[in-house]
Protein backbone atom coordinates (compact mmCIF):
# COMPACT_ATOMS: atom_id res chain seq x y z
CA UNK A 1 8.45 31.72 -11.07
CA UNK A 2 11.96 31.98 -9.59
CA UNK A 3 13.49 30.66 -12.82
CA UNK A 4 11.64 33.24 -14.90
CA UNK A 5 12.72 36.04 -12.55
CA UNK A 6 16.36 34.93 -12.73
CA UNK A 7 16.18 34.75 -16.54
CA UNK A 8 14.67 38.23 -16.77
CA UNK A 9 17.30 39.77 -14.47
CA UNK A 10 20.18 37.95 -16.19
CA UNK A 11 19.11 38.84 -19.73
CA UNK A 12 18.43 42.50 -18.92
CA UNK A 13 21.74 42.84 -17.07
CA UNK A 14 23.66 41.22 -19.93
CA UNK A 15 21.96 43.39 -22.55
CA UNK A 16 22.52 46.60 -20.57
CA UNK A 17 26.19 45.76 -19.99
CA UNK A 18 26.68 44.99 -23.69
CA UNK A 19 25.06 48.16 -24.95
CA UNK A 20 26.63 50.38 -22.27
CA UNK A 21 30.03 48.88 -23.09
CA UNK A 22 29.54 49.52 -26.79
CA UNK A 23 28.50 53.11 -26.11
CA UNK A 24 31.55 53.64 -23.89
CA UNK A 25 33.95 52.20 -26.51
CA UNK A 26 32.46 54.44 -29.21
CA UNK A 27 32.74 57.48 -26.96
CA UNK A 28 36.41 56.78 -26.12
CA UNK A 29 37.20 56.20 -29.81
CA UNK A 30 35.57 59.53 -30.67
CA UNK A 31 37.49 61.38 -27.95
CA UNK A 32 40.80 60.08 -29.29
CA UNK A 33 39.85 61.15 -32.81
CA UNK A 34 38.82 64.55 -31.44
CA UNK A 35 42.21 64.89 -29.70
CA UNK A 36 43.96 64.10 -32.97
CA UNK A 37 41.83 66.76 -34.72
CA UNK A 38 40.44 64.17 -37.10
CA UNK A 39 36.85 65.10 -36.19
CA UNK A 40 35.16 68.11 -34.62
CA UNK A 41 33.16 68.26 -31.37
CA UNK A 42 29.97 68.57 -33.41
CA UNK A 43 30.73 65.38 -35.32
CA UNK A 44 31.40 63.60 -32.02
CA UNK A 45 28.06 64.73 -30.56
CA UNK A 46 26.23 63.68 -33.71
CA UNK A 47 27.98 60.31 -33.64
CA UNK A 48 27.02 59.71 -29.97
CA UNK A 49 23.40 60.67 -30.63
CA UNK A 50 23.28 58.36 -33.65
CA UNK A 51 24.52 55.44 -31.51
CA UNK A 52 21.74 56.14 -29.00
CA UNK A 53 19.12 56.15 -31.76
CA UNK A 54 20.38 52.82 -33.08
CA UNK A 55 20.63 51.19 -29.64
CA UNK A 56 17.17 52.11 -28.33
CA UNK A 57 14.97 50.04 -30.70
CA UNK A 58 17.39 47.10 -30.49
CA UNK A 59 17.35 47.32 -26.69
CA UNK A 60 13.53 47.45 -26.65
CA UNK A 61 13.37 44.35 -28.82
CA UNK A 62 15.90 42.52 -26.64
CA UNK A 63 13.80 43.21 -23.56
CA UNK A 64 11.02 41.16 -25.13
CA UNK A 65 13.13 38.00 -24.71
CA UNK A 66 11.82 37.17 -21.17
CA UNK A 67 8.23 37.67 -22.40
CA UNK A 68 8.90 35.35 -25.32
CA UNK A 69 10.27 32.69 -22.96
CA UNK A 70 7.22 33.13 -20.71
CA UNK A 71 4.94 32.57 -23.72
CA UNK A 72 6.78 29.36 -24.59
CA UNK A 73 6.49 28.14 -20.99
CA UNK A 74 2.76 28.94 -20.92
CA UNK A 75 2.27 27.09 -24.21
CA UNK A 76 4.05 24.04 -22.81
CA UNK A 77 1.81 24.17 -19.75
CA UNK A 78 -1.31 24.32 -21.93
CA UNK A 79 -0.07 21.30 -23.88
CA UNK A 80 0.42 19.43 -20.59
CA UNK A 81 -3.18 20.23 -19.62
CA UNK A 82 -4.36 18.96 -23.02
CA UNK A 83 -2.56 15.67 -22.37
CA UNK A 84 -4.23 15.08 -19.00
CA UNK A 85 -6.63 12.13 -19.08
CA UNK A 86 -10.32 13.01 -19.11
CA UNK A 87 -12.30 12.41 -15.93
CA UNK A 88 -15.39 10.24 -15.80
CA UNK A 89 -18.47 12.41 -16.33
CA UNK A 90 -21.22 9.82 -16.70
CA UNK A 91 -23.62 10.08 -13.77
CA UNK A 92 -23.02 10.97 -10.15
CA UNK A 93 -22.40 8.98 -6.98
CA UNK A 94 -24.41 10.58 -4.21
CA UNK A 95 -24.66 9.28 -0.65
CA UNK A 96 -27.47 9.86 1.82
CA UNK A 97 -27.21 12.56 4.46
CA UNK A 98 -25.57 12.73 6.94
CA UNK A 99 -22.33 11.80 5.22
CA UNK A 100 -18.85 11.14 6.55
CA UNK A 101 -15.47 10.65 4.93
CA UNK A 102 -12.85 8.16 6.03
CA UNK A 103 -9.08 8.13 5.39
CA UNK A 104 -7.34 4.77 5.90
CA UNK A 105 -3.52 4.48 5.73
CA UNK A 106 -3.30 7.18 3.07
CA UNK A 107 0.09 8.09 1.60
CA UNK A 108 0.61 10.86 -0.93
CA UNK A 109 3.40 12.91 -2.50
CA UNK A 110 3.27 15.41 -5.37
CA UNK A 111 6.42 14.20 -7.14
CA UNK A 112 8.11 10.82 -7.26
CA UNK A 113 11.25 12.20 -5.63
CA UNK A 114 9.39 14.63 -3.36
CA UNK A 115 8.69 14.28 0.34
CA UNK A 116 5.58 12.54 1.67
CA UNK A 117 2.77 14.98 2.40
CA UNK A 118 0.89 12.09 4.02
CA UNK A 119 2.26 8.74 5.11
CA UNK A 120 -0.06 6.19 6.69
CA UNK A 121 -2.60 8.91 7.49
CA UNK A 122 -5.81 7.63 9.09
CA UNK A 123 -8.74 9.74 10.24
CA UNK A 124 -12.52 9.64 10.16
CA UNK A 125 -14.61 12.77 9.64
CA UNK A 126 -17.81 11.54 11.23
CA UNK A 127 -21.25 12.42 9.81
CA UNK A 128 -22.69 15.71 11.14
CA UNK A 129 -19.36 16.64 12.77
CA UNK A 130 -17.71 20.07 12.71
CA UNK A 131 -13.96 19.57 12.37
CA UNK A 132 -11.29 22.27 12.53
CA UNK A 133 -8.14 21.25 10.62
CA UNK A 134 -4.96 22.94 11.83
CA UNK A 135 -1.31 22.71 10.85
CA UNK A 136 1.71 24.68 9.73
CA UNK A 137 2.17 25.81 6.15
CA UNK A 138 3.01 22.75 4.05
CA UNK A 139 1.52 20.28 6.52
CA UNK A 140 -1.02 19.11 3.94
CA UNK A 141 -4.23 20.95 4.82
CA UNK A 142 -5.16 21.95 1.27
CA UNK A 143 -3.90 18.58 -0.01
CA UNK A 144 -6.40 16.94 2.34
CA UNK A 145 -9.22 18.79 0.58
CA UNK A 146 -7.84 17.86 -2.84
CA UNK A 147 -7.86 14.20 -1.85
CA UNK A 148 -11.48 14.48 -0.73
CA UNK A 149 -12.46 16.07 -4.05
CA UNK A 150 -10.42 13.52 -6.05
CA UNK A 151 -8.36 16.33 -7.59
CA UNK A 152 -5.30 14.26 -6.70
CA UNK A 153 -5.07 10.54 -6.01
CA UNK A 154 -3.33 8.86 -3.09
CA UNK A 155 -0.52 6.41 -3.82
CA UNK A 156 -1.57 4.10 -0.97
CA UNK A 157 -4.60 3.61 1.24
CA UNK A 158 -8.21 4.62 0.66
CA UNK A 159 -10.46 7.67 0.93
CA UNK A 160 -14.08 6.62 1.33
CA UNK A 161 -17.32 8.58 1.41
CA UNK A 162 -20.10 6.97 3.41
CA UNK A 163 -23.56 7.64 4.77
CA UNK A 164 -24.25 7.77 8.49
CA UNK A 165 -26.56 4.80 8.18
CA UNK A 166 -24.02 2.60 6.38
CA UNK A 167 -21.25 2.39 8.91
CA UNK A 168 -17.98 3.08 7.10
CA UNK A 169 -18.46 0.81 4.09
CA UNK A 170 -19.17 3.50 1.53
CA UNK A 171 -17.76 4.37 -1.89
CA UNK A 172 -14.25 5.51 -2.87
CA UNK A 173 -14.03 9.20 -3.69
CA UNK A 174 -13.87 10.01 -7.40
CA UNK A 175 -14.93 12.85 -9.73
CA UNK A 176 -18.44 11.37 -9.54
CA UNK A 177 -18.66 11.92 -5.76
CA UNK A 178 -17.97 15.67 -5.92
CA UNK A 179 -21.71 16.28 -6.00
CA UNK A 180 -21.69 15.56 -2.25
CA UNK A 181 -19.36 18.48 -1.47
CA UNK A 182 -19.54 22.24 -1.42
CA UNK A 183 -16.14 23.94 -1.38
CA UNK A 184 -14.92 27.46 -0.59
CA UNK A 185 -11.20 27.80 -1.44
CA UNK A 186 -8.74 30.29 -0.01
CA UNK A 187 -9.50 33.88 -0.94
CA UNK A 188 -12.67 34.15 -2.99
CA UNK A 189 -13.75 32.94 -6.40
CA UNK A 190 -16.36 35.46 -7.46
CA UNK A 191 -16.80 36.03 -11.17
CA UNK A 192 -17.59 39.16 -13.13
CA UNK A 193 -21.35 39.65 -13.02
CA UNK A 194 -24.10 40.38 -10.51
CA UNK A 195 -24.18 38.98 -6.99
CA UNK A 196 -27.35 37.07 -7.92
CA UNK A 197 -25.58 35.41 -10.87
CA UNK A 198 -22.67 34.42 -8.65
CA UNK A 199 -25.00 32.87 -6.07
CA UNK A 200 -26.99 30.96 -8.69
CA UNK A 201 -23.80 29.24 -9.83
CA UNK A 202 -24.10 27.25 -6.59
CA UNK A 203 -27.71 26.31 -7.26
CA UNK A 204 -29.32 27.51 -10.52
CA UNK A 205 -32.80 26.54 -9.31
CA UNK A 206 -32.60 28.52 -6.04
CA UNK A 207 -35.42 30.97 -5.38
CA UNK A 208 -35.31 34.35 -3.66
CA UNK A 209 -36.06 32.77 -0.27
CA UNK A 210 -33.20 30.29 -0.69
CA UNK A 211 -30.86 33.15 -1.59
CA UNK A 212 -32.00 35.20 1.41
CA UNK A 213 -31.42 32.24 3.75
CA UNK A 214 -27.93 31.55 2.35
CA UNK A 215 -26.94 35.22 2.65
CA UNK A 216 -28.21 35.29 6.22
CA UNK A 217 -26.21 32.21 7.21
CA UNK A 218 -23.09 33.74 5.62
CA UNK A 219 -23.68 37.06 7.46
CA UNK A 220 -23.98 38.69 4.03
CA UNK A 221 -27.26 40.54 4.59
CA UNK A 222 -25.37 43.71 3.60
CA UNK A 223 -26.19 42.77 -0.01
CA UNK A 224 -29.76 44.03 0.43
CA UNK A 225 -28.43 47.42 1.58
CA UNK A 226 -26.49 47.95 -1.65
CA UNK A 227 -28.10 50.36 -4.16
CA UNK A 228 -28.90 47.55 -6.63
CA UNK A 229 -29.26 44.75 -4.06
CA UNK A 230 -28.77 41.29 -5.56
CA UNK A 231 -28.31 42.88 -8.98
CA UNK A 232 -25.19 44.77 -7.85
CA UNK A 233 -22.39 44.06 -10.30
CA UNK A 234 -18.94 43.05 -9.15
CA UNK A 235 -15.73 42.48 -11.06
CA UNK A 236 -13.49 39.43 -11.28
CA UNK A 237 -12.52 38.19 -7.78
CA UNK A 238 -15.13 40.46 -6.23
CA UNK A 239 -14.00 43.79 -7.63
CA UNK A 240 -16.18 46.53 -6.15
CA UNK A 241 -16.64 44.65 -2.87
CA UNK A 242 -14.32 44.54 0.10
CA UNK A 243 -12.40 41.32 0.62
CA UNK A 244 -14.53 40.42 3.63
CA UNK A 245 -17.75 41.03 1.69
CA UNK A 246 -16.53 38.93 -1.23
CA UNK A 247 -15.65 36.08 1.15
CA UNK A 248 -19.11 36.12 2.68
CA UNK A 249 -20.79 36.05 -0.74
CA UNK A 250 -18.55 33.08 -1.66
CA UNK A 251 -19.62 31.28 1.51
CA UNK A 252 -23.28 32.04 0.73
CA UNK A 253 -22.84 30.49 -2.71
CA UNK A 254 -21.43 27.34 -1.07
CA UNK A 255 -24.25 27.22 1.48
CA UNK A 256 -26.96 27.50 -1.17
CA UNK A 257 -25.60 24.46 -3.01
CA UNK A 258 -27.27 21.17 -2.03
CA UNK A 259 -24.52 19.11 -0.43
CA UNK A 260 -23.67 16.79 2.46
CA UNK A 261 -20.15 18.01 3.29
CA UNK A 262 -19.11 21.67 3.45
CA UNK A 263 -15.37 22.32 2.92
CA UNK A 264 -14.03 25.72 3.98
CA UNK A 265 -10.36 26.48 3.29
CA UNK A 266 -9.34 29.60 5.25
CA UNK A 267 -12.69 31.01 4.17
CA UNK A 268 -12.89 33.64 6.96
CA UNK A 269 -9.35 35.04 6.77
CA UNK A 270 -10.59 38.54 5.87
CA UNK A 271 -13.34 38.71 8.52
CA UNK A 272 -13.06 40.40 11.88
CA UNK A 273 -13.49 38.20 14.95
CA UNK A 274 -17.04 39.32 15.74
CA UNK A 275 -18.30 38.63 12.20
CA UNK A 276 -16.44 35.32 12.08
CA UNK A 277 -17.98 34.13 15.34
CA UNK A 278 -21.46 35.11 14.14
CA UNK A 279 -20.86 33.23 10.87
CA UNK A 280 -19.72 30.10 12.68
CA UNK A 281 -22.70 30.26 15.02
CA UNK A 282 -25.16 30.51 12.13
CA UNK A 283 -23.50 27.65 10.22
CA UNK A 284 -23.64 25.43 13.28
CA UNK A 285 -27.27 26.30 14.08
CA UNK A 286 -28.73 26.41 10.56
CA UNK A 287 -26.87 23.52 8.97
CA UNK A 288 -27.26 20.81 11.57
CA UNK A 289 -26.85 17.38 10.01
CA UNK A 290 -24.22 18.63 7.54
CA UNK A 291 -20.59 17.64 7.98
CA UNK A 292 -18.37 20.74 8.11
CA UNK A 293 -14.59 20.60 7.61
CA UNK A 294 -12.91 23.95 8.23
CA UNK A 295 -9.21 24.49 7.46
CA UNK A 296 -8.02 27.36 9.60
CA UNK A 297 -5.31 29.02 11.68
CA UNK A 298 -7.78 30.92 13.85
CA UNK A 299 -8.76 30.05 17.39
CA UNK A 300 -12.38 31.17 16.95
CA UNK A 301 -13.02 28.24 14.59
CA UNK A 302 -11.44 25.79 17.04
CA UNK A 303 -13.75 27.02 19.81
CA UNK A 304 -16.84 26.24 17.69
CA UNK A 305 -15.61 22.89 16.38
CA UNK A 306 -16.69 19.56 17.82
CA UNK A 307 -13.36 18.03 16.80
CA UNK A 308 -9.87 19.35 16.08
CA UNK A 309 -7.35 17.69 13.74
CA UNK A 310 -3.77 18.96 13.72
CA UNK A 311 -1.71 17.89 10.70
CA UNK A 312 2.03 17.55 10.83
CA UNK A 313 2.01 15.66 14.15
CA UNK A 314 3.60 12.27 14.59
CA UNK A 315 0.15 10.77 15.08
CA UNK A 316 -0.71 11.69 11.49
């Protein structure tokens, strides 16, 4: 992003300087010819206007250069995505509820020459626990979730999903174990369509009573007060709803999905404290037996959690 911004500023500055310089040289040349009575003032004005007419379309075309470079970069990125190895899609690896997830001596970095996000990290998210994960920006909170979902792979150590009745000898996380999780990322991920359609993405077989329960847990009962209720249409990223309403619908979609571990990544950032506390209370009361991992910066979540993990400490 910074490279593209620098390129755009540099190219536009260079083009403007070049064209402005050319215009200035032509104007000075015309003034000297006017002084020598080789041309008239009318000829000079016509000449200057002609230069402007020639420069404008060329300048407009030159300004397309940054967009052209952006298109090339986007094409390269798409090619990189095409080259990524395919994930295993045959079957699923589900564990019995309640489920826990164990990190043992995990090390991870995003680039070979980059800094370690995790180094020798060990922690156990016990079955049926409610854990608040804290830490400064860049401490690895979102990376922790990506490791759980097998979106990235650790360079050392193990990440294991296990059932409460199995001790800690479970199965390594992989794309096949994602069926055990329900995830709400930062912001919201609503799609263009009705609220009902968005909720059914979490569980296509859910009935009206399941939807009502999920909306109640997510403090999203406001949906039934909308003119079209569940059939209210919203735009991409929840257009037509407030940010707080869109977040609660996203949480309801996660709650309605059958899962053993609920992952919430700053999922209440747009909620006021009273609504957030009510949401946390309902999750804790209505979803007993489910393991909840909540990435947050807010004290209200910490007060409801049974365990608190702070990343970026020496103990990590």
